[in-house]
Amino acid sequence: PLAEAHQLHLNVERFRVAEIPFQPSIIGIDQAGLVEVIDGVFRRLGTSAASRLAANILLTGGLSRLPNLKDRLELELRTLLPAGTSLNIRHLDPHLAAWKGAASVAQSS
């Protein structure tokens, strides 16, 4: 019937969308995922600087609105960091964080 002609069937696609930042290869993009990029930064900085950076990670922007992104990122980054390294991921308002940060810089001397 007519109703069946206007149906949209979703299979695994709805689950893969949230996976793309971690595995861009699933949609044919040949580049590193989010955790790989962060790991590369940690390695280039060295242990001391990477530890300071891991203690102050900020998530903002539209992508940060993905459900459970912060939890997944924390879980995967913990496997990369030495035991006992402080990991603090903060999630700010994706709509206003950049504006508030720029306003703060503009007001400071």
PDB file of N, CA and C in Angstrom:
ATOM      1  N   PRO A   1       0.810  -1.206   0.000  1.00  0.00           N
ATOM      2  CA  PRO A   1       0.000   0.000   0.000  1.00  0.00           C
ATOM      3  C   PRO A   1       0.848   1.262   0.000  1.00  0.00           C
ATOM      4  N   LEU A   2       0.173   2.356  -0.048  1.00  0.00           N
ATOM      5  CA  LEU A   2       0.811   3.665  -0.142  1.00  0.00           C
ATOM      6  C   LEU A   2       1.701   3.975   1.065  1.00  0.00           C
ATOM      7  N   ALA A   3       1.280   3.596   2.270  1.00  0.00           N
ATOM      8  CA  ALA A   3       2.066   3.874   3.480  1.00  0.00           C
ATOM      9  C   ALA A   3       3.427   3.189   3.429  1.00  0.00           C
ATOM     10  N   GLU A   4       3.485   1.993   2.893  1.00  0.00           N
ATOM     11  CA  GLU A   4       4.753   1.260   2.818  1.00  0.00           C
ATOM     12  C   GLU A   4       5.722   1.911   1.834  1.00  0.00           C
ATOM     13  N   ALA A   5       5.213   2.588   0.837  1.00  0.00           N
ATOM     14  CA  ALA A   5       6.066   3.239  -0.153  1.00  0.00           C
ATOM     15  C   ALA A   5       6.801   4.438   0.432  1.00  0.00           C
ATOM     16  N   HIS A   6       6.332   4.963   1.546  1.00  0.00           N
ATOM     17  CA  HIS A   6       6.939   6.146   2.151  1.00  0.00           C
ATOM     18  C   HIS A   6       7.619   5.848   3.477  1.00  0.00           C
ATOM     19  N   GLN A   7       8.046   4.622   3.655  1.00  0.00           N
ATOM     20  CA  GLN A   7       8.737   4.247   4.887  1.00  0.00           C
ATOM     21  C   GLN A   7      10.242   4.318   4.674  1.00  0.00           C
ATOM     22  N   LEU A   8      10.940   4.671   5.731  1.00  0.00           N
ATOM     23  CA  LEU A   8      12.391   4.704   5.717  1.00  0.00           C
ATOM     24  C   LEU A   8      12.873   3.641   6.697  1.00  0.00           C
ATOM     25  N   HIS A   9      13.614   2.694   6.194  1.00  0.00           N
ATOM     26  CA  HIS A   9      14.101   1.608   7.039  1.00  0.00           C
ATOM     27  C   HIS A   9      15.520   1.908   7.497  1.00  0.00           C
ATOM     28  N   LEU A  10      15.742   1.856   8.778  1.00  0.00           N
ATOM     29  CA  LEU A  10      17.075   2.070   9.346  1.00  0.00           C
ATOM     30  C   LEU A  10      17.589   0.759   9.913  1.00  0.00           C
ATOM     31  N   ASN A  11      18.762   0.399   9.515  1.00  0.00           N
ATOM     32  CA  ASN A  11      19.381  -0.809  10.036  1.00  0.00           C
ATOM     33  C   ASN A  11      20.472  -0.403  11.010  1.00  0.00           C
ATOM     34  N   VAL A  12      21.692  -0.651  10.646  1.00  0.00           N
ATOM     35  CA  VAL A  12      22.813  -0.330  11.529  1.00  0.00           C
ATOM     36  C   VAL A  12      23.262   1.123  11.393  1.00  0.00           C
ATOM     37  N   GLU A  13      22.747   1.839  10.402  1.00  0.00           N
ATOM     38  CA  GLU A  13      23.197   3.201  10.148  1.00  0.00           C
ATOM     39  C   GLU A  13      23.019   4.115  11.358  1.00  0.00           C
ATOM     40  N   ARG A  14      21.923   3.972  12.058  1.00  0.00           N
ATOM     41  CA  ARG A  14      21.676   4.865  13.192  1.00  0.00           C
ATOM     42  C   ARG A  14      22.700   4.672  14.304  1.00  0.00           C
ATOM     43  N   PHE A  15      23.287   3.499  14.398  1.00  0.00           N
ATOM     44  CA  PHE A  15      24.318   3.257  15.409  1.00  0.00           C
ATOM     45  C   PHE A  15      25.689   3.679  14.900  1.00  0.00           C
ATOM     46  N   ARG A  16      25.886   3.591  13.618  1.00  0.00           N
ATOM     47  CA  ARG A  16      27.191   3.936  13.049  1.00  0.00           C
ATOM     48  C   ARG A  16      27.450   5.435  13.030  1.00  0.00           C
ATOM     49  N   VAL A  17      26.429   6.244  12.977  1.00  0.00           N
ATOM     50  CA  VAL A  17      26.615   7.700  12.929  1.00  0.00           C
ATOM     51  C   VAL A  17      27.455   8.174  14.109  1.00  0.00           C
ATOM     52  N   ALA A  18      27.140   7.718  15.294  1.00  0.00           N
ATOM     53  CA  ALA A  18      27.896   8.135  16.482  1.00  0.00           C
ATOM     54  C   ALA A  18      29.290   7.524  16.514  1.00  0.00           C
ATOM     55  N   GLU A  19      29.535   6.503  15.725  1.00  0.00           N
ATOM     56  CA  GLU A  19      30.831   5.838  15.698  1.00  0.00           C
ATOM     57  C   GLU A  19      31.814   6.525  14.751  1.00  0.00           C
ATOM     58  N   ILE A  20      31.321   7.329  13.843  1.00  0.00           N
ATOM     59  CA  ILE A  20      32.168   7.957  12.827  1.00  0.00           C
ATOM     60  C   ILE A  20      33.325   8.772  13.414  1.00  0.00           C
ATOM     61  N   PRO A  21      33.124   9.577  14.467  1.00  0.00           N
ATOM     62  CA  PRO A  21      34.278  10.316  15.014  1.00  0.00           C
ATOM     63  C   PRO A  21      35.393   9.399  15.545  1.00  0.00           C
ATOM     64  N   PHE A  22      35.046   8.193  15.916  1.00  0.00           N
ATOM     65  CA  PHE A  22      36.039   7.258  16.442  1.00  0.00           C
ATOM     66  C   PHE A  22      36.635   6.381  15.337  1.00  0.00           C
ATOM     67  N   GLN A  23      35.846   6.092  14.300  1.00  0.00           N
ATOM     68  CA  GLN A  23      36.288   5.240  13.196  1.00  0.00           C
ATOM     69  C   GLN A  23      35.831   5.827  11.859  1.00  0.00           C
ATOM     70  N   PRO A  24      36.489   6.872  11.368  1.00  0.00           N
ATOM     71  CA  PRO A  24      36.072   7.487  10.104  1.00  0.00           C
ATOM     72  C   PRO A  24      36.116   6.519   8.921  1.00  0.00           C
ATOM     73  N   SER A  25      36.876   5.453   9.043  1.00  0.00           N
ATOM     74  CA  SER A  25      36.992   4.494   7.940  1.00  0.00           C
ATOM     75  C   SER A  25      35.671   3.788   7.619  1.00  0.00           C
ATOM     76  N   ILE A  26      34.727   3.754   8.549  1.00  0.00           N
ATOM     77  CA  ILE A  26      33.471   3.058   8.265  1.00  0.00           C
ATOM     78  C   ILE A  26      32.630   3.782   7.215  1.00  0.00           C
ATOM     79  N   ILE A  27      32.969   5.042   6.927  1.00  0.00           N
ATOM     80  CA  ILE A  27      32.285   5.741   5.836  1.00  0.00           C
ATOM     81  C   ILE A  27      33.268   6.062   4.709  1.00  0.00           C
ATOM     82  N   GLY A  28      34.411   5.395   4.721  1.00  0.00           N
ATOM     83  CA  GLY A  28      35.361   5.542   3.630  1.00  0.00           C
ATOM     84  C   GLY A  28      36.330   6.694   3.738  1.00  0.00           C
ATOM     85  N   ILE A  29      36.450   7.291   4.906  1.00  0.00           N
ATOM     86  CA  ILE A  29      37.405   8.392   5.085  1.00  0.00           C
ATOM     87  C   ILE A  29      38.687   7.823   5.688  1.00  0.00           C
ATOM     88  N   ASP A  30      39.789   8.067   5.000  1.00  0.00           N
ATOM     89  CA  ASP A  30      41.076   7.524   5.435  1.00  0.00           C
ATOM     90  C   ASP A  30      41.802   8.545   6.307  1.00  0.00           C
ATOM     91  N   GLN A  31      41.388   8.617   7.566  1.00  0.00           N
ATOM     92  CA  GLN A  31      42.062   9.496   8.518  1.00  0.00           C
ATOM     93  C   GLN A  31      41.866   8.950   9.920  1.00  0.00           C
ATOM     94  N   ALA A  32      42.629   9.484  10.843  1.00  0.00           N
ATOM     95  CA  ALA A  32      42.592   9.009  12.225  1.00  0.00           C
ATOM     96  C   ALA A  32      41.289   9.423  12.902  1.00  0.00           C
ATOM     97  N   GLY A  33      40.870   8.606  13.842  1.00  0.00           N
ATOM     98  CA  GLY A  33      39.697   8.926  14.641  1.00  0.00           C
ATOM     99  C   GLY A  33      40.071   9.845  15.795  1.00  0.00           C
ATOM    100  N   LEU A  34      39.081  10.252  16.542  1.00  0.00           N
ATOM    101  CA  LEU A  34      39.251  11.203  17.636  1.00  0.00           C
ATOM    102  C   LEU A  34      40.280  10.732  18.663  1.00  0.00           C
ATOM    103  N   VAL A  35      40.175   9.510  19.096  1.00  0.00           N
ATOM    104  CA  VAL A  35      41.100   8.995  20.115  1.00  0.00           C
ATOM    105  C   VAL A  35      42.514   8.880  19.552  1.00  0.00           C
ATOM    106  N   GLU A  36      42.638   8.468  18.303  1.00  0.00           N
ATOM    107  CA  GLU A  36      43.963   8.379  17.684  1.00  0.00           C
ATOM    108  C   GLU A  36      44.632   9.750  17.596  1.00  0.00           C
ATOM    109  N   VAL A  37      43.858  10.765  17.274  1.00  0.00           N
ATOM    110  CA  VAL A  37      44.409  12.117  17.172  1.00  0.00           C
ATOM    111  C   VAL A  37      44.881  12.596  18.544  1.00  0.00           C
ATOM    112  N   ILE A  38      44.059  12.392  19.557  1.00  0.00           N
ATOM    113  CA  ILE A  38      44.439  12.807  20.916  1.00  0.00           C
ATOM    114  C   ILE A  38      45.667  12.037  21.375  1.00  0.00           C
ATOM    115  N   ASP A  39      45.728  10.752  21.083  1.00  0.00           N
ATOM    116  CA  ASP A  39      46.889   9.944  21.449  1.00  0.00           C
ATOM    117  C   ASP A  39      48.144  10.477  20.757  1.00  0.00           C
ATOM    118  N   GLY A  40      48.029  10.869  19.505  1.00  0.00           N
ATOM    119  CA  GLY A  40      49.167  11.443  18.786  1.00  0.00           C
ATOM    120  C   GLY A  40      49.660  12.722  19.439  1.00  0.00           C
ATOM    121  N   VAL A  41      48.738  13.545  19.896  1.00  0.00           N
ATOM    122  CA  VAL A  41      49.111  14.781  20.598  1.00  0.00           C
ATOM    123  C   VAL A  41      49.819  14.439  21.901  1.00  0.00           C
ATOM    124  N   PHE A  42      49.262  13.502  22.656  1.00  0.00           N
ATOM    125  CA  PHE A  42      49.890  13.090  23.920  1.00  0.00           C
ATOM    126  C   PHE A  42      51.319  12.610  23.679  1.00  0.00           C
ATOM    127  N   ARG A  43      51.520  11.799  22.662  1.00  0.00           N
ATOM    128  CA  ARG A  43      52.852  11.242  22.378  1.00  0.00           C
ATOM    129  C   ARG A  43      53.852  12.331  21.998  1.00  0.00           C
ATOM    130  N   ARG A  44      53.396  13.311  21.235  1.00  0.00           N
ATOM    131  CA  ARG A  44      54.300  14.392  20.822  1.00  0.00           C
ATOM    132  C   ARG A  44      54.677  15.303  21.974  1.00  0.00           C
ATOM    133  N   LEU A  45      53.776  15.450  22.937  1.00  0.00           N
ATOM    134  CA  LEU A  45      54.031  16.353  24.053  1.00  0.00           C
ATOM    135  C   LEU A  45      54.988  15.779  25.086  1.00  0.00           C
ATOM    136  N   GLY A  46      55.001  14.500  25.237  1.00  0.00           N
ATOM    137  CA  GLY A  46      55.789  13.888  26.301  1.00  0.00           C
ATOM    138  C   GLY A  46      54.929  13.676  27.530  1.00  0.00           C
ATOM    139  N   THR A  47      55.415  12.889  28.455  1.00  0.00           N
ATOM    140  CA  THR A  47      54.637  12.446  29.605  1.00  0.00           C
ATOM    141  C   THR A  47      54.136  13.577  30.484  1.00  0.00           C
ATOM    142  N   SER A  48      54.989  14.496  30.840  1.00  0.00           N
ATOM    143  CA  SER A  48      54.607  15.568  31.761  1.00  0.00           C
ATOM    144  C   SER A  48      53.526  16.478  31.166  1.00  0.00           C
ATOM    145  N   ALA A  49      53.754  16.954  29.956  1.00  0.00           N
ATOM    146  CA  ALA A  49      52.783  17.843  29.313  1.00  0.00           C
ATOM    147  C   ALA A  49      51.490  17.101  28.993  1.00  0.00           C
ATOM    148  N   ALA A  50      51.596  15.832  28.587  1.00  0.00           N
ATOM    149  CA  ALA A  50      50.406  15.045  28.282  1.00  0.00           C
ATOM    150  C   ALA A  50      49.555  14.846  29.534  1.00  0.00           C
ATOM    151  N   SER A  51      50.194  14.666  30.680  1.00  0.00           N
ATOM    152  CA  SER A  51      49.464  14.516  31.936  1.00  0.00           C
ATOM    153  C   SER A  51      48.697  15.786  32.282  1.00  0.00           C
ATOM    154  N   ARG A  52      49.335  16.928  32.066  1.00  0.00           N
ATOM    155  CA  ARG A  52      48.644  18.207  32.326  1.00  0.00           C
ATOM    156  C   ARG A  52      47.478  18.406  31.366  1.00  0.00           C
ATOM    157  N   LEU A  53      47.691  18.044  30.114  1.00  0.00           N
ATOM    158  CA  LEU A  53      46.635  18.174  29.122  1.00  0.00           C
ATOM    159  C   LEU A  53      45.466  17.235  29.429  1.00  0.00           C
ATOM    160  N   ALA A  54      45.767  15.999  29.817  1.00  0.00           N
ATOM    161  CA  ALA A  54      44.715  15.026  30.131  1.00  0.00           C
ATOM    162  C   ALA A  54      43.864  15.472  31.309  1.00  0.00           C
ATOM    163  N   ALA A  55      44.429  16.274  32.173  1.00  0.00           N
ATOM    164  CA  ALA A  55      43.688  16.758  33.338  1.00  0.00           C
ATOM    165  C   ALA A  55      42.784  17.944  32.998  1.00  0.00           C
ATOM    166  N   ASN A  56      42.824  18.393  31.734  1.00  0.00           N
ATOM    167  CA  ASN A  56      42.041  19.568  31.372  1.00  0.00           C
ATOM    168  C   ASN A  56      41.569  19.482  29.913  1.00  0.00           C
ATOM    169  N   ILE A  57      40.739  18.497  29.610  1.00  0.00           N
ATOM    170  CA  ILE A  57      40.186  18.338  28.266  1.00  0.00           C
ATOM    171  C   ILE A  57      38.798  18.962  28.236  1.00  0.00           C
ATOM    172  N   LEU A  58      38.541  19.710  27.191  1.00  0.00           N
ATOM    173  CA  LEU A  58      37.275  20.428  27.062  1.00  0.00           C
ATOM    174  C   LEU A  58      36.531  19.947  25.817  1.00  0.00           C
ATOM    175  N   LEU A  59      35.299  19.524  25.995  1.00  0.00           N
ATOM    176  CA  LEU A  59      34.429  19.157  24.871  1.00  0.00           C
ATOM    177  C   LEU A  59      33.448  20.289  24.631  1.00  0.00           C
ATOM    178  N   THR A  60      33.370  20.742  23.405  1.00  0.00           N
ATOM    179  CA  THR A  60      32.387  21.765  23.054  1.00  0.00           C
ATOM    180  C   THR A  60      32.093  21.639  21.570  1.00  0.00           C
ATOM    181  N   GLY A  61      31.125  22.361  21.097  1.00  0.00           N
ATOM    182  CA  GLY A  61      30.738  22.293  19.693  1.00  0.00           C
ATOM    183  C   GLY A  61      29.625  21.282  19.472  1.00  0.00           C
ATOM    184  N   GLY A  62      29.079  21.298  18.289  1.00  0.00           N
ATOM    185  CA  GLY A  62      27.932  20.458  17.960  1.00  0.00           C
ATOM    186  C   GLY A  62      28.171  18.975  18.155  1.00  0.00           C
ATOM    187  N   LEU A  63      29.362  18.484  17.800  1.00  0.00           N
ATOM    188  CA  LEU A  63      29.670  17.067  17.941  1.00  0.00           C
ATOM    189  C   LEU A  63      29.603  16.614  19.397  1.00  0.00           C
ATOM    190  N   SER A  64      29.908  17.511  20.312  1.00  0.00           N
ATOM    191  CA  SER A  64      29.909  17.137  21.732  1.00  0.00           C
ATOM    192  C   SER A  64      28.511  16.807  22.244  1.00  0.00           C
ATOM    193  N   ARG A  65      27.496  17.091  21.446  1.00  0.00           N
ATOM    194  CA  ARG A  65      26.121  16.774  21.846  1.00  0.00           C
ATOM    195  C   ARG A  65      25.761  15.310  21.590  1.00  0.00           C
ATOM    196  N   LEU A  66      26.644  14.552  20.966  1.00  0.00           N
ATOM    197  CA  LEU A  66      26.363  13.130  20.765  1.00  0.00           C
ATOM    198  C   LEU A  66      26.184  12.455  22.122  1.00  0.00           C
ATOM    199  N   PRO A  67      25.144  11.651  22.276  1.00  0.00           N
ATOM    200  CA  PRO A  67      24.915  10.983  23.563  1.00  0.00           C
ATOM    201  C   PRO A  67      26.111  10.122  23.964  1.00  0.00           C
ATOM    202  N   ASN A  68      26.516  10.236  25.194  1.00  0.00           N
ATOM    203  CA  ASN A  68      27.591   9.428  25.795  1.00  0.00           C
ATOM    204  C   ASN A  68      28.972   9.664  25.185  1.00  0.00           C
ATOM    205  N   LEU A  69      29.160  10.737  24.438  1.00  0.00           N
ATOM    206  CA  LEU A  69      30.475  11.005  23.853  1.00  0.00           C
ATOM    207  C   LEU A  69      31.532  11.165  24.934  1.00  0.00           C
ATOM    208  N   LYS A  70      31.217  11.919  25.964  1.00  0.00           N
ATOM    209  CA  LYS A  70      32.177  12.148  27.051  1.00  0.00           C
ATOM    210  C   LYS A  70      32.568  10.837  27.721  1.00  0.00           C
ATOM    211  N   ASP A  71      31.595   9.985  28.004  1.00  0.00           N
ATOM    212  CA  ASP A  71      31.876   8.699  28.656  1.00  0.00           C
ATOM    213  C   ASP A  71      32.741   7.806  27.771  1.00  0.00           C
ATOM    214  N   ARG A  72      32.413   7.749  26.494  1.00  0.00           N
ATOM    215  CA  ARG A  72      33.175   6.910  25.564  1.00  0.00           C
ATOM    216  C   ARG A  72      34.598   7.420  25.432  1.00  0.00           C
ATOM    217  N   LEU A  73      34.754   8.732  25.316  1.00  0.00           N
ATOM    218  CA  LEU A  73      36.084   9.320  25.188  1.00  0.00           C
ATOM    219  C   LEU A  73      36.912   9.047  26.436  1.00  0.00           C
ATOM    220  N   GLU A  74      36.290   9.204  27.598  1.00  0.00           N
ATOM    221  CA  GLU A  74      36.994   8.934  28.853  1.00  0.00           C
ATOM    222  C   GLU A  74      37.421   7.470  28.938  1.00  0.00           C
ATOM    223  N   LEU A  75      36.543   6.572  28.582  1.00  0.00           N
ATOM    224  CA  LEU A  75      36.857   5.142  28.622  1.00  0.00           C
ATOM    225  C   LEU A  75      38.040   4.805  27.719  1.00  0.00           C
ATOM    226  N   GLU A  76      38.031   5.322  26.504  1.00  0.00           N
ATOM    227  CA  GLU A  76      39.101   5.004  25.562  1.00  0.00           C
ATOM    228  C   GLU A  76      40.415   5.701  25.907  1.00  0.00           C
ATOM    229  N   LEU A  77      40.346   6.924  26.421  1.00  0.00           N
ATOM    230  CA  LEU A  77      41.585   7.620  26.779  1.00  0.00           C
ATOM    231  C   LEU A  77      42.249   6.993  28.000  1.00  0.00           C
ATOM    232  N   ARG A  78      41.451   6.482  28.930  1.00  0.00           N
ATOM    233  CA  ARG A  78      42.031   5.826  30.121  1.00  0.00           C
ATOM    234  C   ARG A  78      42.909   4.647  29.733  1.00  0.00           C
ATOM    235  N   THR A  79      42.567   3.958  28.659  1.00  0.00           N
ATOM    236  CA  THR A  79      43.383   2.816  28.228  1.00  0.00           C
ATOM    237  C   THR A  79      44.725   3.265  27.656  1.00  0.00           C
ATOM    238  N   LEU A  80      44.822   4.520  27.228  1.00  0.00           N
ATOM    239  CA  LEU A  80      46.060   5.026  26.644  1.00  0.00           C
ATOM    240  C   LEU A  80      46.999   5.657  27.660  1.00  0.00           C
ATOM    241  N   LEU A  81      46.418   6.162  28.742  1.00  0.00           N
ATOM    242  CA  LEU A  81      47.210   6.897  29.724  1.00  0.00           C
ATOM    243  C   LEU A  81      47.823   5.971  30.766  1.00  0.00           C
ATOM    244  N   PRO A  82      48.979   6.346  31.303  1.00  0.00           N
ATOM    245  CA  PRO A  82      49.572   5.551  32.381  1.00  0.00           C
ATOM    246  C   PRO A  82      48.631   5.496  33.587  1.00  0.00           C
ATOM    247  N   ALA A  83      48.673   4.399  34.313  1.00  0.00           N
ATOM    248  CA  ALA A  83      47.825   4.236  35.500  1.00  0.00           C
ATOM    249  C   ALA A  83      48.067   5.387  36.466  1.00  0.00           C
ATOM    250  N   GLY A  84      46.999   5.909  37.018  1.00  0.00           N
ATOM    251  CA  GLY A  84      47.093   6.987  37.988  1.00  0.00           C
ATOM    252  C   GLY A  84      47.089   8.380  37.385  1.00  0.00           C
ATOM    253  N   THR A  85      47.131   8.480  36.060  1.00  0.00           N
ATOM    254  CA  THR A  85      47.096   9.791  35.418  1.00  0.00           C
ATOM    255  C   THR A  85      45.706  10.397  35.588  1.00  0.00           C
ATOM    256  N   SER A  86      45.673  11.646  35.992  1.00  0.00           N
ATOM    257  CA  SER A  86      44.404  12.342  36.170  1.00  0.00           C
ATOM    258  C   SER A  86      43.801  12.644  34.805  1.00  0.00           C
ATOM    259  N   LEU A  87      42.535  12.267  34.633  1.00  0.00           N
ATOM    260  CA  LEU A  87      41.821  12.550  33.389  1.00  0.00           C
ATOM    261  C   LEU A  87      40.552  13.298  33.747  1.00  0.00           C
ATOM    262  N   ASN A  88      40.450  14.512  33.244  1.00  0.00           N
ATOM    263  CA  ASN A  88      39.281  15.342  33.520  1.00  0.00           C
ATOM    264  C   ASN A  88      38.746  15.876  32.197  1.00  0.00           C
ATOM    265  N   ILE A  89      37.575  15.407  31.814  1.00  0.00           N
ATOM    266  CA  ILE A  89      36.939  15.866  30.586  1.00  0.00           C
ATOM    267  C   ILE A  89      35.725  16.690  30.979  1.00  0.00           C
ATOM    268  N   ARG A  90      35.756  17.956  30.598  1.00  0.00           N
ATOM    269  CA  ARG A  90      34.621  18.838  30.890  1.00  0.00           C
ATOM    270  C   ARG A  90      33.807  19.031  29.626  1.00  0.00           C
ATOM    271  N   HIS A  91      32.509  19.113  29.797  1.00  0.00           N
ATOM    272  CA  HIS A  91      31.598  19.312  28.669  1.00  0.00           C
ATOM    273  C   HIS A  91      30.874  20.632  28.869  1.00  0.00           C
ATOM    274  N   LEU A  92      31.167  21.599  28.020  1.00  0.00           N
ATOM    275  CA  LEU A  92      30.541  22.907  28.121  1.00  0.00           C
ATOM    276  C   LEU A  92      29.411  23.045  27.116  1.00  0.00           C
ATOM    277  N   ASP A  93      28.625  24.066  27.301  1.00  0.00           N
ATOM    278  CA  ASP A  93      27.516  24.367  26.404  1.00  0.00           C
ATOM    279  C   ASP A  93      28.021  24.477  24.965  1.00  0.00           C
ATOM    280  N   PRO A  94      27.575  23.590  24.084  1.00  0.00           N
ATOM    281  CA  PRO A  94      28.102  23.612  22.715  1.00  0.00           C
ATOM    282  C   PRO A  94      27.693  24.844  21.921  1.00  0.00           C
ATOM    283  N   HIS A  95      26.664  25.532  22.365  1.00  0.00           N
ATOM    284  CA  HIS A  95      26.191  26.687  21.617  1.00  0.00           C
ATOM    285  C   HIS A  95      26.910  27.975  22.012  1.00  0.00           C
ATOM    286  N   LEU A  96      27.248  28.135  23.273  1.00  0.00           N
ATOM    287  CA  LEU A  96      27.778  29.412  23.738  1.00  0.00           C
ATOM    288  C   LEU A  96      29.220  29.376  24.241  1.00  0.00           C
ATOM    289  N   ALA A  97      29.826  28.216  24.355  1.00  0.00           N
ATOM    290  CA  ALA A  97      31.163  28.130  24.949  1.00  0.00           C
ATOM    291  C   ALA A  97      32.195  28.958  24.190  1.00  0.00           C
ATOM    292  N   ALA A  98      32.196  28.880  22.870  1.00  0.00           N
ATOM    293  CA  ALA A  98      33.182  29.642  22.093  1.00  0.00           C
ATOM    294  C   ALA A  98      32.974  31.147  22.285  1.00  0.00           C
ATOM    295  N   TRP A  99      31.730  31.569  22.274  1.00  0.00           N
ATOM    296  CA  TRP A  99      31.434  32.991  22.461  1.00  0.00           C
ATOM    297  C   TRP A  99      31.858  33.447  23.849  1.00  0.00           C
ATOM    298  N   LYS A 100      31.524  32.674  24.873  1.00  0.00           N
ATOM    299  CA  LYS A 100      31.892  33.044  26.244  1.00  0.00           C
ATOM    300  C   LYS A 100      33.410  33.093  26.407  1.00  0.00           C
ATOM    301  N   GLY A 101      34.107  32.153  25.800  1.00  0.00           N
ATOM    302  CA  GLY A 101      35.572  32.157  25.872  1.00  0.00           C
ATOM    303  C   GLY A 101      36.164  33.390  25.200  1.00  0.00           C
ATOM    304  N   ALA A 102      35.659  33.727  24.024  1.00  0.00           N
ATOM    305  CA  ALA A 102      36.133  34.915  23.324  1.00  0.00           C
ATOM    306  C   ALA A 102      35.809  36.181  24.101  1.00  0.00           C
ATOM    307  N   ALA A 103      34.636  36.222  24.710  1.00  0.00           N
ATOM    308  CA  ALA A 103      34.249  37.391  25.516  1.00  0.00           C
ATOM    309  C   ALA A 103      35.179  37.537  26.711  1.00  0.00           C
ATOM    310  N   SER A 104      35.558  36.429  27.323  1.00  0.00           N
ATOM    311  CA  SER A 104      36.453  36.457  28.464  1.00  0.00           C
ATOM    312  C   SER A 104      37.836  36.971  28.057  1.00  0.00           C
ATOM    313  N   VAL A 105      38.329  36.510  26.916  1.00  0.00           N
ATOM    314  CA  VAL A 105      39.629  36.968  26.426  1.00  0.00           C
ATOM    315  C   VAL A 105      39.563  38.456  26.089  1.00  0.00           C
ATOM    316  N   ALA A 106      38.494  38.888  25.486  1.00  0.00           N
ATOM    317  CA  ALA A 106      38.346  40.299  25.107  1.00  0.00           C
ATOM    318  C   ALA A 106      38.299  41.224  26.331  1.00  0.00           C
ATOM    319  N   GLN A 107      37.773  40.717  27.431  1.00  0.00           N
ATOM    320  CA  GLN A 107      37.672  41.534  28.649  1.00  0.00           C
ATOM    321  C   GLN A 107      38.958  41.535  29.471  1.00  0.00           C
ATOM    322  N   SER A 108      39.843  40.590  29.222  1.00  0.00           N
ATOM    323  CA  SER A 108      41.070  40.524  30.002  1.00  0.00           C
ATOM    324  C   SER A 108      42.133  41.444  29.394  1.00  0.00           C
ATOM    325  N   SER A 109      43.091  41.776  30.216  1.00  0.00           N
ATOM    326  CA  SER A 109      44.162  42.647  29.712  1.00  0.00           C
ATOM    327  C   SER A 109      45.215  41.769  29.142  1.00  0.00           C
TER     328      SER A 109
END
